[in-house]
Amino acid sequence: MPKKAKPAGSGKEEGPVPCKQMKVEAAGGPSALNFDSPSSLFESLISPIKTETFFKEFWEQKPLLIRRDDPALATYYRSLFKLTDLKSLCSRGMYYGRDVNVCRCVNGKKKVLNRDGKAHFLQLRKDFDQKRATIQFHQPQRFKDELWRIQEKLECYFGSLVGSNVYITPAGSQGLPPHYDDVEVFILQLEGEKHWRLYHPTVPLAREYSVEAEERIGRPVHEFVLKPGDLLYFPRGTIHQADTPAGLAHSTHVTISTYQNNSWGDFLLDTISGLVFDTAKEDVELRAGIPRQLLLVESTTVATRRLSGFLRTLADRLEGTKELLSSDMKKDFIMHRLPPYSAGDGAELSTPGGKLPRLDSVVRLQFKDHIVLTVLPDQDQSDEAQEKMVYIYHSLKNRRETHMMGNEEETESHGLRFPLSHLDALKQIWNSSTISVKDLKLTTDEERESLVLSLWTECLIQVV
């Protein structure tokens, strides 16, 4: 068990300083997450911390520990994933490396105990019991409906991919050595107890996955034990390690993570190509050839001076730009995120229902949080005469089973393409709770009907 911090001014060496903690007492009735909207889900996840407080004081800045004394919430957390769930999952065909890792921290180093091929529950349980190995299960939201429901809402809330991993560790054992991650991390304690240590210095807003942390960490700054129902948040770059105390039952926690490659630097790289594309259409200097043999020599003062001037030109143009052209980030997010949560078979997400939209219909957008509207150069043209088109990408037909599994089973983007002349009409639909088809800002009634029929066929709108 961790030592408690000694009072300041005692004259003795101080113990670990606790991170910001909030304790929540049971409120008499069952506590459940609020799935009414993405914002209400997040608010209930970090309750009683207010959203404004969280983003002002903790997000990307420092850890937050929320202790809870709520049996109903603890029971709900336990239902998210249990050791016994592995038995049924293994029967569906789980593979080492792809779906599950078996590992243990030995002398400060990670030792991977994976075998080849399919993972069998009896072997996993044997390694768990006899070798005291941690079982790491990748992306359980692919199979556990309630985690799908949580992470789908969080992807809407953050506008970024949200992944998860389950860690099941036997008593008196540790799975991973000290390390840091390149994501914002929320820890939900599901079963048993886990002893956590967070260290200083951190690696602020880290990009890399891991580091030889043992050489840098010193002593813990925060040290505590999580119990079922507790929640811990820490920013990317926070060096951490966790173990299950001896003499107790095994421990299970799930890490829910987001904001990987979602920085201003990433966004700048994503939008700069579109800005250059637009500017080069009007600035003849950007279309002039570079000096002969420039690519064969080291960069020159002349080249540096010219590029600096071009960047100032781009900055000036950016000040008056209303539409930023996103080349990859929007499409990548929509293409790889979870589909909308569905308690049924999901048929309503792939087959349009309700009335066919007509000119006299009133329509409204469906699944707005799962759709992006963006303006891009026509991807079907490769010459300099490329025209801008309006692209609509959506995640309604994404496969939950491939979520956050890398390029192993790359999905195709789903969506529609319209002429730039349709942008104002599309914005009307996007920005209105309901709108009459005949009021859409298009030239002809035929265009109006064709637009809403295309959206309806993709299940993006419905007639009200």
Protein backbone atom coordinates (compact mmCIF):
# COMPACT_ATOMS: atom_id res chain seq x y z
CA MET A 1 0.00 0.00 0.00
CA PRO A 2 1.29 3.56 -0.67
CA LYS A 3 2.46 5.68 2.20
CA LYS A 4 0.49 8.73 3.15
CA ALA A 5 2.09 12.13 2.71
CA LYS A 6 3.55 13.47 5.92
CA PRO A 7 2.40 16.92 7.09
CA ALA A 8 4.50 19.83 5.91
CA GLY A 9 6.94 21.21 8.46
CA SER A 10 7.41 17.93 10.31
CA GLY A 11 11.14 18.03 9.75
CA LYS A 12 11.02 14.57 8.20
CA GLU A 13 11.32 13.55 4.58
CA GLU A 14 8.00 14.07 2.87
CA GLY A 15 6.17 11.21 1.17
CA PRO A 16 4.57 11.40 -2.22
CA VAL A 17 2.39 14.43 -2.84
CA PRO A 18 -1.16 13.40 -3.77
CA CYS A 19 -2.52 14.68 -7.04
CA LYS A 20 -5.79 16.60 -7.08
CA GLN A 21 -8.46 14.32 -5.61
CA MET A 22 -12.21 14.49 -5.42
CA LYS A 23 -14.21 12.06 -3.31
CA VAL A 24 -17.79 11.27 -4.23
CA GLU A 25 -20.16 9.77 -1.68
CA ALA A 26 -23.04 7.57 -2.77
CA ALA A 27 -26.13 9.70 -3.44
CA GLY A 28 -28.66 7.11 -2.33
CA GLY A 29 -29.67 5.84 -5.77
CA PRO A 30 -27.86 4.05 -8.57
CA SER A 31 -25.31 6.18 -10.38
CA ALA A 32 -25.21 5.85 -14.17
CA LEU A 33 -23.54 7.68 -17.01
CA ASN A 34 -25.73 10.12 -18.89
CA PHE A 35 -25.90 9.25 -22.59
CA ASP A 36 -28.33 11.98 -23.60
CA SER A 37 -25.57 13.82 -25.50
CA PRO A 38 -21.78 13.72 -25.91
CA SER A 39 -21.36 16.60 -23.44
CA SER A 40 -23.65 15.02 -20.84
CA LEU A 41 -21.74 11.74 -21.13
CA PHE A 42 -18.41 13.45 -20.47
CA GLU A 43 -19.86 15.49 -17.62
CA SER A 44 -21.16 12.34 -15.94
CA LEU A 45 -17.85 10.54 -16.53
CA ILE A 46 -15.82 13.15 -14.60
CA SER A 47 -18.55 14.08 -12.09
CA PRO A 48 -18.48 15.94 -9.74
CA ILE A 49 -15.74 17.94 -11.51
CA LYS A 50 -17.30 20.51 -13.81
CA THR A 51 -16.31 20.44 -17.46
CA GLU A 52 -15.11 24.06 -17.37
CA THR A 53 -12.93 23.31 -14.36
CA PHE A 54 -11.48 20.19 -15.94
CA PHE A 55 -10.35 21.91 -19.15
CA LYS A 56 -9.10 25.00 -17.34
CA GLU A 57 -7.12 23.28 -14.60
CA PHE A 58 -6.29 19.70 -15.68
CA TRP A 59 -6.53 18.99 -19.42
CA GLU A 60 -2.98 18.75 -20.84
CA GLN A 61 -1.68 20.12 -17.53
CA LYS A 62 -1.81 17.77 -14.54
CA PRO A 63 -3.37 14.54 -13.25
CA LEU A 64 -6.79 14.32 -11.66
CA LEU A 65 -7.90 11.51 -9.32
CA ILE A 66 -11.61 11.13 -8.61
CA ARG A 67 -12.34 8.74 -5.76
CA ARG A 68 -15.87 7.43 -5.51
CA ASP A 69 -17.77 5.63 -2.79
CA ASP A 70 -20.75 4.49 -4.84
CA PRO A 71 -21.59 0.76 -4.93
CA ALA A 72 -23.91 1.22 -7.92
CA LEU A 73 -21.21 2.92 -9.98
CA ALA A 74 -18.64 0.32 -8.91
CA THR A 75 -21.01 -2.43 -10.09
CA TYR A 76 -21.48 -0.63 -13.41
CA TYR A 77 -17.71 -0.30 -13.88
CA ARG A 78 -17.26 -4.03 -13.18
CA SER A 79 -19.76 -4.82 -15.92
CA LEU A 80 -17.63 -3.09 -18.58
CA PHE A 81 -15.06 -5.91 -18.72
CA LYS A 82 -14.20 -8.89 -16.52
CA LEU A 83 -11.59 -11.62 -16.59
CA THR A 84 -14.33 -14.13 -17.38
CA ASP A 85 -15.20 -12.17 -20.56
CA LEU A 86 -11.97 -13.46 -22.09
CA LYS A 87 -13.35 -16.99 -22.26
CA SER A 88 -16.19 -16.09 -24.61
CA LEU A 89 -14.01 -13.70 -26.60
CA CYS A 90 -11.33 -16.31 -27.19
CA SER A 91 -13.98 -18.63 -28.60
CA ARG A 92 -14.56 -16.01 -31.32
CA GLY A 93 -10.98 -16.20 -32.54
CA MET A 94 -8.59 -13.80 -30.78
CA TYR A 95 -4.92 -13.67 -31.82
CA TYR A 96 -1.74 -12.87 -29.91
CA GLY A 97 -0.33 -9.47 -30.81
CA ARG A 98 -3.39 -8.30 -32.68
CA ASP A 99 -6.02 -8.76 -29.99
CA VAL A 100 -4.21 -9.76 -26.82
CA ASN A 101 -0.75 -9.41 -25.25
CA VAL A 102 0.63 -11.35 -22.31
CA CYS A 103 3.43 -9.53 -20.50
CA ARG A 104 5.14 -8.93 -17.18
CA CYS A 105 7.54 -6.34 -15.82
CA VAL A 106 10.77 -8.14 -14.81
CA ASN A 107 13.65 -6.14 -13.31
CA GLY A 108 12.23 -2.92 -14.71
CA LYS A 109 11.86 -4.28 -18.24
CA LYS A 110 8.83 -5.46 -20.18
CA LYS A 111 8.86 -9.18 -20.91
CA VAL A 112 6.38 -10.30 -23.59
CA LEU A 113 5.09 -13.86 -23.17
CA ASN A 114 2.98 -14.05 -26.33
CA ARG A 115 2.66 -17.27 -28.26
CA ASP A 116 1.92 -17.70 -31.96
CA GLY A 117 -1.50 -17.74 -33.54
CA LYS A 118 -4.81 -17.92 -31.73
CA ALA A 119 -5.09 -17.15 -28.04
CA HIS A 120 -6.83 -19.88 -26.00
CA PHE A 121 -8.42 -19.00 -22.70
CA LEU A 122 -6.96 -21.96 -20.80
CA GLN A 123 -3.43 -20.95 -21.83
CA LEU A 124 -4.08 -17.30 -20.97
CA ARG A 125 -5.39 -18.33 -17.58
CA LYS A 126 -2.37 -20.59 -17.03
CA ASP A 127 0.07 -17.74 -17.81
CA PHE A 128 -2.02 -15.45 -15.62
CA ASP A 129 -2.04 -17.81 -12.63
CA GLN A 130 1.39 -19.44 -12.87
CA LYS A 131 3.57 -16.78 -14.50
CA ARG A 132 1.79 -13.86 -12.82
CA ALA A 133 1.45 -12.26 -16.25
CA THR A 134 -0.73 -9.29 -17.16
CA ILE A 135 -3.28 -9.83 -19.92
CA GLN A 136 -3.71 -6.79 -22.16
CA PHE A 137 -6.78 -6.86 -24.41
CA HIS A 138 -6.78 -4.40 -27.32
CA GLN A 139 -9.78 -2.27 -28.23
CA PRO A 140 -12.52 -4.10 -26.26
CA GLN A 141 -15.13 -1.69 -27.63
CA ARG A 142 -15.12 -3.91 -30.72
CA PHE A 143 -16.97 -6.54 -28.70
CA LYS A 144 -18.32 -4.92 -25.52
CA ASP A 145 -21.43 -2.89 -26.30
CA GLU A 146 -21.25 -0.53 -23.33
CA LEU A 147 -17.67 0.48 -24.14
CA TRP A 148 -18.79 1.07 -27.75
CA ARG A 149 -21.56 3.28 -26.39
CA ILE A 150 -19.14 5.26 -24.18
CA GLN A 151 -16.38 5.69 -26.75
CA GLU A 152 -18.73 6.59 -29.59
CA LYS A 153 -20.07 9.48 -27.51
CA LEU A 154 -16.55 10.53 -26.50
CA GLU A 155 -15.44 10.59 -30.15
CA CYS A 156 -18.33 12.96 -30.82
CA TYR A 157 -17.32 15.06 -27.82
CA PHE A 158 -13.61 15.34 -28.56
CA GLY A 159 -13.78 15.24 -32.35
CA SER A 160 -10.91 12.77 -32.16
CA LEU A 161 -10.47 9.01 -32.20
CA VAL A 162 -10.95 7.33 -28.81
CA GLY A 163 -9.31 3.97 -28.18
CA SER A 164 -9.17 1.67 -25.18
CA ASN A 165 -7.21 -1.21 -23.69
CA VAL A 166 -8.03 -3.52 -20.80
CA TYR A 167 -5.30 -4.61 -18.36
CA ILE A 168 -5.90 -7.60 -16.07
CA THR A 169 -3.08 -8.11 -13.55
CA PRO A 170 -2.78 -10.83 -10.89
CA ALA A 171 -2.07 -9.98 -7.27
CA GLY A 172 1.53 -9.05 -6.46
CA SER A 173 2.45 -8.44 -10.08
CA GLN A 174 3.11 -5.66 -12.60
CA GLY A 175 2.65 -5.76 -16.35
CA LEU A 176 4.57 -2.76 -17.70
CA PRO A 177 7.64 -0.78 -16.57
CA PRO A 178 7.50 2.99 -16.15
CA HIS A 179 6.58 4.59 -19.47
CA TYR A 180 4.61 7.43 -20.99
CA ASP A 181 2.04 7.61 -23.77
CA ASP A 182 1.29 10.05 -26.58
CA VAL A 183 -2.42 10.27 -25.71
CA GLU A 184 -4.64 11.84 -23.08
CA VAL A 185 -5.54 8.99 -20.71
CA PHE A 186 -8.60 8.24 -18.58
CA ILE A 187 -8.30 5.21 -16.28
CA LEU A 188 -11.47 3.45 -15.09
CA GLN A 189 -10.88 0.93 -12.31
CA LEU A 190 -13.14 -2.06 -12.95
CA GLU A 191 -12.13 -4.91 -10.64
CA GLY A 192 -9.93 -5.21 -7.55
CA GLU A 193 -7.36 -2.56 -6.61
CA LYS A 194 -4.41 -1.12 -8.49
CA HIS A 195 -1.44 0.76 -7.04
CA TRP A 196 -0.43 3.69 -9.26
CA ARG A 197 2.71 5.82 -9.29
CA LEU A 198 3.04 8.97 -11.39
CA TYR A 199 6.45 10.62 -11.72
CA HIS A 200 8.17 13.93 -12.28
CA PRO A 201 9.49 15.23 -14.54
CA THR A 202 6.89 14.52 -17.16
CA VAL A 203 7.53 14.82 -20.86
CA PRO A 204 5.12 17.63 -21.73
CA LEU A 205 2.58 16.71 -24.40
CA ALA A 206 4.70 13.81 -25.58
CA ARG A 207 4.61 12.50 -29.13
CA GLU A 208 6.54 9.25 -28.67
CA TYR A 209 4.97 6.13 -27.18
CA SER A 210 7.66 5.21 -24.64
CA VAL A 211 10.99 6.24 -23.16
CA GLU A 212 13.69 4.69 -21.02
CA ALA A 213 11.82 6.18 -18.11
CA GLU A 214 13.79 4.38 -15.41
CA GLU A 215 16.73 6.72 -15.96
CA ARG A 216 14.63 9.87 -15.59
CA ILE A 217 11.83 9.41 -13.13
CA GLY A 218 13.35 9.73 -9.66
CA ARG A 219 10.67 9.18 -7.02
CA PRO A 220 6.88 9.28 -7.42
CA VAL A 221 5.15 12.63 -7.21
CA HIS A 222 1.72 10.98 -6.94
CA GLU A 223 1.07 7.58 -5.39
CA PHE A 224 -2.32 6.04 -4.65
CA VAL A 225 -4.56 2.98 -5.00
CA LEU A 226 -7.57 2.92 -7.33
CA LYS A 227 -10.68 0.94 -6.40
CA PRO A 228 -13.73 0.01 -8.52
CA GLY A 229 -15.62 3.13 -9.53
CA ASP A 230 -12.56 5.40 -9.25
CA LEU A 231 -11.36 7.44 -12.24
CA LEU A 232 -7.88 8.78 -12.97
CA TYR A 233 -6.90 11.21 -15.70
CA PHE A 234 -3.38 12.19 -16.71
CA PRO A 235 -2.01 14.12 -19.71
CA ARG A 236 0.10 12.62 -22.47
CA GLY A 237 3.74 12.58 -21.46
CA THR A 238 3.05 11.60 -17.85
CA ILE A 239 5.45 8.85 -16.78
CA HIS A 240 3.51 6.18 -14.89
CA GLN A 241 3.45 2.60 -13.72
CA ALA A 242 0.89 0.42 -11.93
CA ASP A 243 0.82 -2.89 -10.08
CA THR A 244 -1.69 -5.03 -8.21
CA PRO A 245 -0.93 -5.16 -4.46
CA ALA A 246 -0.03 -8.57 -3.04
CA GLY A 247 -2.58 -10.49 -1.01
CA LEU A 248 -5.57 -9.13 -2.95
CA ALA A 249 -7.67 -10.35 -5.84
CA HIS A 250 -6.60 -9.63 -9.39
CA SER A 251 -7.08 -6.10 -10.74
CA THR A 252 -8.76 -4.97 -13.95
CA HIS A 253 -8.73 -1.46 -15.39
CA VAL A 254 -9.50 0.03 -18.77
CA THR A 255 -7.58 2.93 -20.30
CA ILE A 256 -9.65 5.21 -22.51
CA SER A 257 -7.39 7.42 -24.57
CA THR A 258 -7.73 10.23 -27.11
CA TYR A 259 -5.99 13.16 -28.85
CA GLN A 260 -3.23 11.23 -30.60
CA ASN A 261 -1.68 13.35 -33.37
CA ASN A 262 -4.28 16.03 -32.73
CA SER A 263 -2.06 19.04 -32.05
CA TRP A 264 -1.84 22.48 -33.65
CA GLY A 265 1.26 21.22 -35.46
CA ASP A 266 -0.72 18.36 -36.96
CA PHE A 267 -3.53 20.72 -37.95
CA LEU A 268 -1.05 23.15 -39.54
CA LEU A 269 0.48 20.36 -41.62
CA ASP A 270 -3.02 19.29 -42.63
CA THR A 271 -4.23 22.70 -43.79
CA ILE A 272 -1.06 24.26 -45.21
CA SER A 273 -1.29 22.34 -48.51
CA GLY A 274 -4.80 23.68 -49.15
CA LEU A 275 -3.69 27.20 -48.32
CA VAL A 276 -0.76 26.93 -50.75
CA PHE A 277 -3.11 25.48 -53.40
CA ASP A 278 -5.45 28.48 -53.14
CA THR A 279 -2.68 31.07 -53.00
CA ALA A 280 -0.76 29.62 -55.95
CA LYS A 281 -3.81 30.11 -58.16
CA GLU A 282 -3.50 33.88 -57.69
CA ASP A 283 0.21 34.43 -56.95
CA VAL A 284 2.37 33.92 -60.03
CA GLU A 285 5.55 33.87 -57.89
CA LEU A 286 4.42 30.64 -56.23
CA ARG A 287 4.05 29.08 -59.66
CA ALA A 288 7.53 30.10 -60.83
CA GLY A 289 10.18 27.37 -60.98
CA ILE A 290 12.77 26.92 -58.25
CA PRO A 291 16.44 27.62 -59.17
CA ARG A 292 18.24 24.99 -61.19
CA GLN A 293 19.91 22.24 -59.13
CA LEU A 294 18.35 23.50 -55.88
CA LEU A 295 17.45 19.94 -54.92
CA LEU A 296 21.08 18.84 -55.43
CA VAL A 297 22.67 21.27 -53.00
CA GLU A 298 22.25 22.22 -49.37
CA SER A 299 19.68 24.87 -48.67
CA THR A 300 20.86 28.37 -49.60
CA THR A 301 20.27 31.81 -48.16
CA VAL A 302 18.35 32.75 -51.30
CA ALA A 303 15.99 29.78 -50.91
CA THR A 304 15.49 30.47 -47.20
CA ARG A 305 14.70 34.14 -47.92
CA ARG A 306 12.19 33.26 -50.65
CA LEU A 307 10.44 30.67 -48.49
CA SER A 308 10.22 33.15 -45.60
CA GLY A 309 8.55 35.62 -47.92
CA PHE A 310 6.08 33.00 -49.15
CA LEU A 311 5.19 32.07 -45.57
CA ARG A 312 4.46 35.73 -44.78
CA THR A 313 2.23 35.86 -47.85
CA LEU A 314 0.40 32.74 -46.68
CA ALA A 315 -0.03 34.20 -43.20
CA ASP A 316 -1.55 37.37 -44.65
CA ARG A 317 -3.92 35.34 -46.80
CA LEU A 318 -4.89 33.16 -43.83
CA GLU A 319 -6.13 36.20 -41.91
CA GLY A 320 -8.95 36.64 -44.41
CA THR A 321 -9.71 32.98 -45.08
CA LYS A 322 -13.12 31.66 -44.07
CA GLU A 323 -12.77 28.09 -45.27
CA LEU A 324 -9.67 26.08 -44.37
CA LEU A 325 -9.05 23.12 -46.64
CA SER A 326 -8.38 20.02 -44.52
CA SER A 327 -6.48 17.51 -46.60
CA ASP A 328 -6.46 14.47 -44.33
CA MET A 329 -7.43 14.97 -40.68
CA LYS A 330 -11.19 15.26 -41.14
CA LYS A 331 -11.36 12.37 -43.56
CA ASP A 332 -9.07 10.19 -41.46
CA PHE A 333 -11.14 10.80 -38.31
CA ILE A 334 -14.46 10.01 -39.95
CA MET A 335 -13.02 7.05 -41.84
CA HIS A 336 -11.64 5.31 -38.74
CA ARG A 337 -14.04 6.24 -35.94
CA LEU A 338 -16.83 4.15 -34.46
CA PRO A 339 -20.23 4.08 -36.13
CA PRO A 340 -23.17 5.46 -34.12
CA TYR A 341 -24.11 3.25 -31.19
CA SER A 342 -27.04 0.98 -31.97
CA ALA A 343 -28.72 -1.37 -29.53
CA GLY A 344 -30.22 -3.27 -32.47
CA ASP A 345 -28.66 -4.75 -35.58
CA GLY A 346 -27.66 -1.39 -37.03
CA ALA A 347 -29.93 -1.73 -40.08
CA GLU A 348 -31.24 1.80 -39.57
CA LEU A 349 -27.75 3.11 -40.28
CA SER A 350 -27.47 1.56 -43.73
CA THR A 351 -31.02 1.58 -45.11
CA PRO A 352 -32.96 4.84 -45.51
CA GLY A 353 -36.33 4.86 -43.81
CA GLY A 354 -39.36 7.04 -43.58
CA LYS A 355 -40.84 9.15 -46.35
CA LEU A 356 -39.00 9.91 -49.56
CA PRO A 357 -38.10 13.64 -49.55
CA ARG A 358 -39.91 15.83 -52.08
CA LEU A 359 -39.94 19.50 -52.92
CA ASP A 360 -42.71 20.17 -50.39
CA SER A 361 -40.98 18.17 -47.62
CA VAL A 362 -39.42 19.49 -44.43
CA VAL A 363 -36.20 17.68 -43.58
CA ARG A 364 -33.62 17.57 -40.81
CA LEU A 365 -30.09 16.26 -40.48
CA GLN A 366 -29.47 12.93 -38.73
CA PHE A 367 -26.28 11.84 -36.94
CA LYS A 368 -24.74 15.30 -37.22
CA ASP A 369 -21.91 14.33 -34.88
CA HIS A 370 -20.92 11.59 -37.33
CA ILE A 371 -20.70 13.76 -40.46
CA VAL A 372 -18.14 16.29 -41.68
CA LEU A 373 -18.64 18.74 -44.51
CA THR A 374 -15.46 20.01 -46.12
CA VAL A 375 -14.31 21.80 -49.27
CA LEU A 376 -11.48 20.17 -51.20
CA PRO A 377 -9.95 20.31 -54.67
CA ASP A 378 -11.70 17.86 -56.98
CA GLN A 379 -10.02 14.55 -56.21
CA ASP A 380 -10.99 13.17 -59.63
CA GLN A 381 -8.83 15.76 -61.40
CA SER A 382 -5.05 15.89 -61.24
CA ASP A 383 -4.23 18.89 -63.43
CA GLU A 384 -3.73 22.53 -62.43
CA ALA A 385 -7.32 23.33 -63.38
CA GLN A 386 -8.68 21.47 -60.36
CA GLU A 387 -11.92 22.98 -59.10
CA LYS A 388 -13.15 22.91 -55.53
CA MET A 389 -15.87 20.46 -54.61
CA VAL A 390 -17.93 19.94 -51.46
CA TYR A 391 -17.26 16.58 -49.83
CA ILE A 392 -19.44 15.01 -47.15
CA TYR A 393 -17.90 12.13 -45.21
CA HIS A 394 -19.75 10.07 -42.62
CA SER A 395 -19.14 7.10 -40.32
CA LEU A 396 -22.57 5.46 -40.47
CA LYS A 397 -21.24 2.48 -42.43
CA ASN A 398 -17.97 2.07 -40.54
CA ARG A 399 -17.24 -1.35 -39.08
CA ARG A 400 -17.06 -1.46 -35.33
CA GLU A 401 -14.92 -4.63 -35.51
CA THR A 402 -11.99 -2.78 -37.12
CA HIS A 403 -12.02 0.29 -34.87
CA MET A 404 -8.50 1.44 -33.90
CA MET A 405 -6.91 -1.68 -35.39
CA GLY A 406 -4.50 0.18 -37.66
CA ASN A 407 -4.17 -0.57 -41.36
CA GLU A 408 -4.80 -4.28 -40.94
CA GLU A 409 -8.31 -3.94 -42.35
CA GLU A 410 -8.38 -0.50 -43.93
CA THR A 411 -11.87 0.82 -44.41
CA GLU A 412 -13.14 2.92 -47.28
CA SER A 413 -14.46 6.41 -46.78
CA HIS A 414 -18.20 6.79 -47.14
CA GLY A 415 -19.86 9.95 -48.35
CA LEU A 416 -20.97 12.21 -51.15
CA ARG A 417 -19.55 14.86 -53.45
CA PHE A 418 -21.34 17.99 -54.68
CA PRO A 419 -20.45 21.03 -56.81
CA LEU A 420 -19.29 24.09 -54.88
CA SER A 421 -22.58 25.78 -55.91
CA HIS A 422 -24.35 23.45 -53.42
CA LEU A 423 -22.35 24.66 -50.41
CA ASP A 424 -24.84 27.29 -49.22
CA ALA A 425 -27.77 24.87 -49.43
CA LEU A 426 -25.83 22.24 -47.51
CA LYS A 427 -24.95 24.77 -44.82
CA GLN A 428 -28.65 25.59 -44.52
CA ILE A 429 -29.37 21.94 -43.73
CA TRP A 430 -26.41 21.72 -41.35
CA ASN A 431 -27.26 24.86 -39.42
CA SER A 432 -31.05 24.45 -39.15
CA SER A 433 -33.03 22.17 -36.87
CA THR A 434 -35.45 21.66 -39.79
CA ILE A 435 -35.73 23.24 -43.22
CA SER A 436 -38.14 23.16 -46.13
CA VAL A 437 -36.65 21.68 -49.29
CA LYS A 438 -38.14 24.46 -51.42
CA ASP A 439 -36.21 27.05 -49.36
CA LEU A 440 -32.79 25.62 -50.19
CA LYS A 441 -30.48 28.09 -51.94
CA LEU A 442 -30.20 26.35 -55.29
CA THR A 443 -31.11 27.48 -58.78
CA THR A 444 -33.76 24.92 -59.71
CA ASP A 445 -36.29 22.69 -57.98
CA GLU A 446 -34.68 19.73 -59.69
CA GLU A 447 -31.38 20.52 -57.93
CA ARG A 448 -33.16 20.87 -54.60
CA GLU A 449 -34.89 17.50 -54.88
CA SER A 450 -31.74 15.80 -56.17
CA LEU A 451 -29.70 17.12 -53.23
CA VAL A 452 -32.05 15.93 -50.50
CA LEU A 453 -32.60 12.59 -52.22
CA SER A 454 -28.84 11.98 -52.24
CA LEU A 455 -28.59 12.82 -48.53
CA TRP A 456 -31.64 10.67 -47.70
CA THR A 457 -30.22 7.69 -49.58
CA GLU A 458 -27.11 7.88 -47.38
CA CYS A 459 -29.37 8.04 -44.25
CA LEU A 460 -28.07 11.56 -43.47
CA ILE A 461 -31.47 13.28 -43.41
CA GLN A 462 -35.06 12.36 -42.61
CA VAL A 463 -38.44 13.84 -43.50
CA VAL A 464 -40.28 15.33 -40.52
